Protein backbone atom coordinates (compact mmCIF):
# COMPACT_ATOMS: atom_id res chain seq x y z
CA UNK A 1 -65.90 -126.56 208.47
CA UNK A 2 -68.45 -128.85 206.84
CA UNK A 3 -67.60 -129.55 203.21
CA UNK A 4 -70.68 -131.56 202.23
CA UNK A 5 -71.17 -132.46 198.59
CA UNK A 6 -74.48 -131.94 196.79
CA UNK A 7 -75.60 -133.31 193.44
CA UNK A 8 -78.17 -132.26 190.86
CA UNK A 9 -79.49 -135.29 188.95
CA UNK A 10 -81.25 -134.96 185.61
CA UNK A 11 -83.10 -137.86 184.00
CA UNK A 12 -83.25 -138.01 180.23
CA UNK A 13 -83.67 -134.45 179.05
CA UNK A 14 -84.56 -135.77 175.59
CA UNK A 15 -87.52 -137.77 176.90
CA UNK A 16 -88.91 -135.41 179.55
CA UNK A 17 -92.65 -135.72 180.12
CA UNK A 18 -95.74 -134.28 178.47
CA UNK A 19 -94.93 -130.90 180.01
CA UNK A 20 -91.41 -131.13 178.58
CA UNK A 21 -89.87 -131.20 182.06
CA UNK A 22 -87.07 -133.70 182.73
CA UNK A 23 -87.02 -135.46 186.09
CA UNK A 24 -84.79 -133.59 188.51
CA UNK A 25 -83.45 -134.33 191.97
CA UNK A 26 -80.98 -132.60 194.25
CA UNK A 27 -79.35 -134.90 196.78
CA UNK A 28 -76.73 -134.93 199.46
CA UNK A 29 -73.79 -137.26 198.94
CA UNK A 30 -75.30 -139.81 201.35
CA UNK A 31 -78.71 -139.74 199.60
CA UNK A 32 -76.99 -140.03 196.22
CA UNK A 33 -74.91 -143.03 197.29
CA UNK A 34 -78.04 -144.78 198.64
CA UNK A 35 -79.96 -143.99 195.45
CA UNK A 36 -77.13 -145.43 193.30
CA UNK A 37 -77.66 -148.84 194.97
CA UNK A 38 -81.45 -148.77 194.50
CA UNK A 39 -82.85 -151.40 192.10
CA UNK A 40 -84.91 -150.07 189.20
CA UNK A 41 -87.09 -153.16 189.41
CA UNK A 42 -87.04 -156.88 189.96
CA UNK A 43 -84.63 -159.20 188.14
CA UNK A 44 -86.36 -161.87 186.05
CA UNK A 45 -84.80 -165.04 187.48
CA UNK A 46 -85.90 -167.05 184.41
CA UNK A 47 -84.52 -164.56 181.88
CA UNK A 48 -81.84 -166.81 180.34
CA UNK A 49 -84.29 -169.71 179.92
CA UNK A 50 -87.01 -167.44 178.52
CA UNK A 51 -84.52 -165.82 176.13
CA UNK A 52 -83.37 -169.22 174.88
CA UNK A 53 -87.01 -170.27 174.28
CA UNK A 54 -87.72 -166.93 172.57
CA UNK A 55 -84.71 -167.31 170.24
CA UNK A 56 -85.77 -170.86 169.35
CA UNK A 57 -89.29 -169.60 168.59
CA UNK A 58 -87.90 -166.82 166.39
CA UNK A 59 -85.77 -169.34 164.50
CA UNK A 60 -88.77 -171.64 163.96
CA UNK A 61 -90.96 -168.71 162.89
CA UNK A 62 -88.33 -167.50 160.39
CA UNK A 63 -88.05 -171.04 159.02
CA UNK A 64 -91.83 -171.16 158.68
CA UNK A 65 -91.88 -167.84 156.81
CA UNK A 66 -89.15 -169.04 154.44
CA UNK A 67 -91.15 -172.20 153.69
CA UNK A 68 -94.29 -170.13 153.09
CA UNK A 69 -92.42 -167.97 150.56
CA UNK A 70 -90.95 -171.08 148.92
CA UNK A 71 -94.40 -172.66 148.71
CA UNK A 72 -95.86 -169.56 147.10
CA UNK A 73 -92.95 -169.31 144.63
CA UNK A 74 -92.63 -172.96 143.67
CA UNK A 75 -96.17 -174.21 144.25
CA UNK A 76 -94.67 -177.68 144.47
CA UNK A 77 -95.88 -180.72 146.38
CA UNK A 78 -92.51 -180.93 148.14
CA UNK A 79 -92.73 -177.33 149.41
CA UNK A 80 -96.31 -177.93 150.59
CA UNK A 81 -95.26 -181.08 152.48
CA UNK A 82 -92.32 -179.32 154.16
CA UNK A 83 -94.71 -176.63 155.32
CA UNK A 84 -97.19 -179.21 156.53
CA UNK A 85 -94.49 -181.11 158.47
CA UNK A 86 -93.38 -177.98 160.26
CA UNK A 87 -96.96 -177.38 161.38
CA UNK A 88 -98.58 -174.15 162.40
CA UNK A 89 -96.16 -171.65 163.95
CA UNK A 90 -97.25 -168.81 166.24
CA UNK A 91 -96.40 -165.27 165.14
CA UNK A 92 -93.42 -163.86 167.06
CA UNK A 93 -93.27 -160.15 167.80
CA UNK A 94 -89.60 -159.36 168.38
CA UNK A 95 -90.45 -156.37 170.60
CA UNK A 96 -93.42 -157.49 172.71
CA UNK A 97 -92.70 -161.22 172.99
CA UNK A 98 -89.02 -160.87 173.92
CA UNK A 99 -88.51 -161.59 177.63
CA UNK A 100 -87.49 -158.73 179.89
CA UNK A 101 -84.37 -158.99 182.01
CA UNK A 102 -85.72 -156.47 184.54
CA UNK A 103 -89.36 -156.01 185.52
CA UNK A 104 -89.05 -152.27 185.92
CA UNK A 105 -90.66 -150.21 188.66
CA UNK A 106 -90.00 -147.04 186.68
CA UNK A 107 -93.10 -145.23 185.59
CA UNK A 108 -94.31 -141.86 184.49
CA UNK A 109 -97.82 -140.61 185.06
CA UNK A 110 -98.27 -139.18 181.60
CA UNK A 111 -101.53 -138.04 180.10
CA UNK A 112 -100.63 -139.82 176.86
CA UNK A 113 -100.10 -143.15 178.71
CA UNK A 114 -96.32 -143.10 178.18
CA UNK A 115 -96.57 -146.27 176.11
CA UNK A 116 -93.32 -148.20 176.00
CA UNK A 117 -91.70 -146.02 178.70
CA UNK A 118 -90.18 -148.91 180.68
CA UNK A 119 -88.95 -150.94 177.74
CA UNK A 120 -85.92 -148.80 177.08
CA UNK A 121 -84.60 -149.50 180.57
CA UNK A 122 -85.26 -153.23 180.99
CA UNK A 123 -81.53 -153.97 180.81
CA UNK A 124 -80.53 -151.62 183.68
CA UNK A 125 -80.87 -152.92 187.22
CA UNK A 126 -79.23 -150.60 189.76
CA UNK A 127 -79.66 -146.85 189.45
CA UNK A 128 -75.86 -146.45 189.18
CA UNK A 129 -76.19 -148.16 185.79
CA UNK A 130 -78.41 -145.24 184.70
CA UNK A 131 -75.61 -142.85 185.69
CA UNK A 132 -72.88 -144.98 184.07
CA UNK A 133 -74.82 -145.14 180.79
CA UNK A 134 -75.43 -141.37 180.78
CA UNK A 135 -79.22 -141.64 181.08
CA UNK A 136 -79.01 -139.80 184.40
CA UNK A 137 -76.65 -136.85 184.36
CA UNK A 138 -75.00 -135.76 187.62
CA UNK A 139 -73.73 -132.25 188.35
CA UNK A 140 -72.04 -131.17 191.56
CA UNK A 141 -73.77 -128.11 193.05
CA UNK A 142 -73.32 -125.94 196.12
CA UNK A 143 -75.32 -125.94 199.34
CA UNK A 144 -77.13 -122.72 198.34
CA UNK A 145 -78.40 -124.36 195.14
CA UNK A 146 -79.46 -127.45 197.12
CA UNK A 147 -81.39 -125.29 199.61
CA UNK A 148 -83.15 -123.22 196.93
CA UNK A 149 -83.98 -126.37 194.91
CA UNK A 150 -85.78 -127.89 197.89
CA UNK A 151 -87.40 -124.66 199.08
CA UNK A 152 -88.86 -124.19 195.60
CA UNK A 153 -89.93 -127.88 195.54
CA UNK A 154 -88.44 -128.33 192.07
CA UNK A 155 -88.31 -132.10 192.57
CA UNK A 156 -92.12 -132.12 192.27
CA UNK A 157 -92.12 -130.86 188.67
CA UNK A 158 -91.56 -134.25 187.07
CA UNK A 159 -94.21 -136.90 186.68
CA UNK A 160 -91.59 -139.70 186.70
CA UNK A 161 -90.52 -141.73 189.77
CA UNK A 162 -86.90 -142.33 188.71
CA UNK A 163 -85.51 -140.60 191.82
CA UNK A 164 -88.09 -141.92 194.29
CA UNK A 165 -88.03 -145.66 193.62
CA UNK A 166 -88.16 -147.49 196.95
CA UNK A 167 -85.72 -150.28 197.75
CA UNK A 168 -87.10 -153.81 197.56
């Protein structure tokens, strides 16, 4: 008797897509185990160095802002000189300028552009990390459910590629 195991995977029911349909997949145990080891993107090899540079830039920018406020408050020659010595400092956007640990291959083909979709997942590399963090929920199902799921082509409802990312 064949006692195969089947899994229903659900990706982020809270996010869904513009049709309010979460990404779904129904996999055999072998497919599931292969998917767990699939990278969600490419690791940024320079991440630690870029993060260090980013943090230094943030520190310098915050120092610059403090001197600007001091200069406005005090209107003293000393405050003006301190500001002048620091020089011009580039604006740092803590969201967009921060380096990404993972260059994600996740995407959703949303009519509203899905702006910022990947950013929430830049810290997760292997798909098993999505399961471990609860972003992908896994439910054991029977063979009959698995068969109906695929016959009805329910995996085609979602506009997100979370369950079809190809290995690098």
